[in-house]
Structures are given as C-alpha cells and as structure tokens.
Amino acid sequence: MGIVYTKYLPNERETTIRWSDDKTEGVRIFTSSPVVHRRLERRGLTSSKQTHQNGHIVGWFYAYPYNTLSLVLPRIKTPKKGPVSRPTGGV
C-alpha cells in the first residue's frame, strides 16, 4: 500500500495568476494556499471550482474581472545613492 496524501505540504502551496491577452476573459487565479484563499474570499471573490484530494479541498480556482484588477506591489527599500559620509576625527 502506498502513501496516502490528504493535503499539500506548506512548501507545495502555490498561487498562480494568469493574464490573458483577451481582456474579456479576465484574470484566472489558482491557489492551494488556505491563507491566499481566505484573503480572496474576504475581498469578495468566490471560487468557481475546487480541487479535491482524498475528500479534502486542496485548491481553489477564481476568475477576476480584468477592469477591476489592481496590482499593488510592496515597496522595497533601496540604499541611498550618493557620497558616503565618513567620520572625521583626529587622534
């Protein structure tokens, strides 16, 4: 008898976002992460399809309208450019 998998491991939980050139089709999202699933549900999205494995839900599919898409990326702090000030001091 082989190993029975019931849920994805934490490092196997992925989220895939697919943009189509056809703007009427919208954006398709698949996630196997329960955290991302809850975030999408809180924002008003409902899953159009679910994947099951041994009686457990392990993935959710969403369709998101293209015209309401807002992608906000986190700001990354970059080091300041310019001359580096060095302490001047005599002994």
C-alpha atoms as a PDB file:
ATOM      1  CA  MET A   1       0.000   0.000   0.000  1.00  0.00           C
ATOM      2  CA  GLY A   2       1.365   3.436  -0.950  1.00  0.00           C
ATOM      3  CA  ILE A   3       1.397   6.730   0.888  1.00  0.00           C
ATOM      4  CA  VAL A   4      -1.969   8.489   1.066  1.00  0.00           C
ATOM      5  CA  TYR A   5      -1.689  12.251   0.593  1.00  0.00           C
ATOM      6  CA  THR A   6      -4.531  14.297   2.004  1.00  0.00           C
ATOM      7  CA  LYS A   7      -3.220  17.874   1.869  1.00  0.00           C
ATOM      8  CA  TYR A   8      -0.380  19.769   0.271  1.00  0.00           C
ATOM      9  CA  LEU A   9       2.717  20.368   2.331  1.00  0.00           C
ATOM     10  CA  PRO A  10       3.470  24.030   3.175  1.00  0.00           C
ATOM     11  CA  ASN A  11       6.213  24.260   0.528  1.00  0.00           C
ATOM     12  CA  GLU A  12       3.819  22.869  -2.114  1.00  0.00           C
ATOM     13  CA  ARG A  13       1.160  25.556  -1.630  1.00  0.00           C
ATOM     14  CA  GLU A  14       1.316  27.787  -4.647  1.00  0.00           C
ATOM     15  CA  THR A  15      -0.677  30.598  -6.188  1.00  0.00           C
ATOM     16  CA  THR A  16      -0.788  31.045  -9.951  1.00  0.00           C
ATOM     17  CA  ILE A  17      -2.119  34.184 -11.635  1.00  0.00           C
ATOM     18  CA  ARG A  18      -2.795  34.011 -15.384  1.00  0.00           C
ATOM     19  CA  TRP A  19      -3.406  37.099 -17.501  1.00  0.00           C
ATOM     20  CA  SER A  20      -4.911  36.672 -20.925  1.00  0.00           C
ATOM     21  CA  ASP A  21      -4.333  38.943 -23.909  1.00  0.00           C
ATOM     22  CA  ASP A  22      -8.091  38.804 -24.396  1.00  0.00           C
ATOM     23  CA  LYS A  23      -9.294  41.359 -21.839  1.00  0.00           C
ATOM     24  CA  THR A  24     -12.839  39.984 -21.862  1.00  0.00           C
ATOM     25  CA  GLU A  25     -11.604  36.753 -20.332  1.00  0.00           C
ATOM     26  CA  GLY A  26     -10.235  38.374 -17.188  1.00  0.00           C
ATOM     27  CA  VAL A  27      -7.593  37.089 -14.832  1.00  0.00           C
ATOM     28  CA  ARG A  28      -7.572  33.494 -13.621  1.00  0.00           C
ATOM     29  CA  ILE A  29      -6.213  32.655 -10.195  1.00  0.00           C
ATOM     30  CA  PHE A  30      -5.446  29.227  -8.769  1.00  0.00           C
ATOM     31  CA  THR A  31      -4.269  28.755  -5.209  1.00  0.00           C
ATOM     32  CA  SER A  32      -3.593  25.796  -2.990  1.00  0.00           C
ATOM     33  CA  SER A  33      -2.777  28.091  -0.065  1.00  0.00           C
ATOM     34  CA  PRO A  34      -5.526  28.389   2.568  1.00  0.00           C
ATOM     35  CA  VAL A  35      -4.156  31.835   3.524  1.00  0.00           C
ATOM     36  CA  VAL A  36      -4.497  33.200  -0.028  1.00  0.00           C
ATOM     37  CA  HIS A  37      -7.914  31.529  -0.331  1.00  0.00           C
ATOM     38  CA  ARG A  38      -9.147  33.366   2.797  1.00  0.00           C
ATOM     39  CA  ARG A  39      -7.737  36.685   1.551  1.00  0.00           C
ATOM     40  CA  LEU A  40      -9.514  36.329  -1.797  1.00  0.00           C
ATOM     41  CA  GLU A  41     -12.790  35.363  -0.092  1.00  0.00           C
ATOM     42  CA  ARG A  42     -12.551  38.421   2.199  1.00  0.00           C
ATOM     43  CA  ARG A  43     -12.183  40.611  -0.897  1.00  0.00           C
ATOM     44  CA  GLY A  44     -15.466  39.279  -2.256  1.00  0.00           C
ATOM     45  CA  LEU A  45     -14.276  36.638  -4.713  1.00  0.00           C
ATOM     46  CA  THR A  46     -15.952  33.243  -4.761  1.00  0.00           C
ATOM     47  CA  SER A  47     -14.229  30.175  -6.129  1.00  0.00           C
ATOM     48  CA  SER A  48     -15.556  28.863  -9.410  1.00  0.00           C
ATOM     49  CA  LYS A  49     -14.069  25.404  -8.939  1.00  0.00           C
ATOM     50  CA  GLN A  50     -12.345  23.414  -6.206  1.00  0.00           C
ATOM     51  CA  THR A  51      -9.917  20.527  -6.412  1.00  0.00           C
ATOM     52  CA  HIS A  52     -10.274  17.624  -4.008  1.00  0.00           C
ATOM     53  CA  GLN A  53      -7.842  15.018  -2.798  1.00  0.00           C
ATOM     54  CA  ASN A  54      -8.998  12.140  -0.591  1.00  0.00           C
ATOM     55  CA  GLY A  55     -12.115  14.068   0.408  1.00  0.00           C
ATOM     56  CA  HIS A  56     -10.279  17.286   1.313  1.00  0.00           C
ATOM     57  CA  ILE A  57     -10.327  20.557  -0.615  1.00  0.00           C
ATOM     58  CA  VAL A  58      -6.750  21.273  -1.679  1.00  0.00           C
ATOM     59  CA  GLY A  59      -7.155  24.009  -4.303  1.00  0.00           C
ATOM     60  CA  TRP A  60      -9.414  26.832  -5.439  1.00  0.00           C
ATOM     61  CA  PHE A  61      -9.927  28.450  -8.856  1.00  0.00           C
ATOM     62  CA  TYR A  62     -11.087  32.066  -9.231  1.00  0.00           C
ATOM     63  CA  ALA A  63     -11.961  34.346 -12.138  1.00  0.00           C
ATOM     64  CA  TYR A  64     -11.291  38.036 -11.624  1.00  0.00           C
ATOM     65  CA  PRO A  65     -12.631  40.804 -13.903  1.00  0.00           C
ATOM     66  CA  TYR A  66      -9.828  42.468 -15.843  1.00  0.00           C
ATOM     67  CA  ASN A  67     -11.202  46.007 -15.499  1.00  0.00           C
ATOM     68  CA  THR A  68     -11.195  45.891 -11.679  1.00  0.00           C
ATOM     69  CA  LEU A  69      -7.692  44.468 -11.330  1.00  0.00           C
ATOM     70  CA  SER A  70      -5.376  46.451  -9.107  1.00  0.00           C
ATOM     71  CA  LEU A  71      -1.955  45.018  -8.503  1.00  0.00           C
ATOM     72  CA  VAL A  72      -0.101  46.668  -5.666  1.00  0.00           C
ATOM     73  CA  LEU A  73       3.468  45.603  -5.192  1.00  0.00           C
ATOM     74  CA  PRO A  74       5.280  46.154  -1.902  1.00  0.00           C
ATOM     75  CA  ARG A  75       7.827  48.937  -1.806  1.00  0.00           C
ATOM     76  CA  ILE A  76      11.392  47.786  -1.476  1.00  0.00           C
ATOM     77  CA  LYS A  77      13.756  49.985   0.455  1.00  0.00           C
ATOM     78  CA  THR A  78      16.887  50.668  -1.529  1.00  0.00           C
ATOM     79  CA  PRO A  79      20.081  52.132  -0.151  1.00  0.00           C
ATOM     80  CA  LYS A  80      20.570  55.831  -0.740  1.00  0.00           C
ATOM     81  CA  LYS A  81      22.862  56.714  -3.574  1.00  0.00           C
ATOM     82  CA  GLY A  82      25.429  59.417  -3.312  1.00  0.00           C
ATOM     83  CA  PRO A  83      28.601  60.142  -1.438  1.00  0.00           C
ATOM     84  CA  VAL A  84      29.210  58.151   1.677  1.00  0.00           C
ATOM     85  CA  SER A  85      29.950  60.301   4.686  1.00  0.00           C
ATOM     86  CA  ARG A  86      32.893  59.124   6.735  1.00  0.00           C
ATOM     87  CA  PRO A  87      33.571  60.198  10.242  1.00  0.00           C
ATOM     88  CA  THR A  88      36.386  62.684  10.510  1.00  0.00           C
ATOM     89  CA  GLY A  89      38.205  62.745  13.714  1.00  0.00           C
ATOM     90  CA  GLY A  90      41.676  63.313  14.872  1.00  0.00           C
ATOM     91  CA  VAL A  91      43.597  61.382  17.388  1.00  0.00           C
END
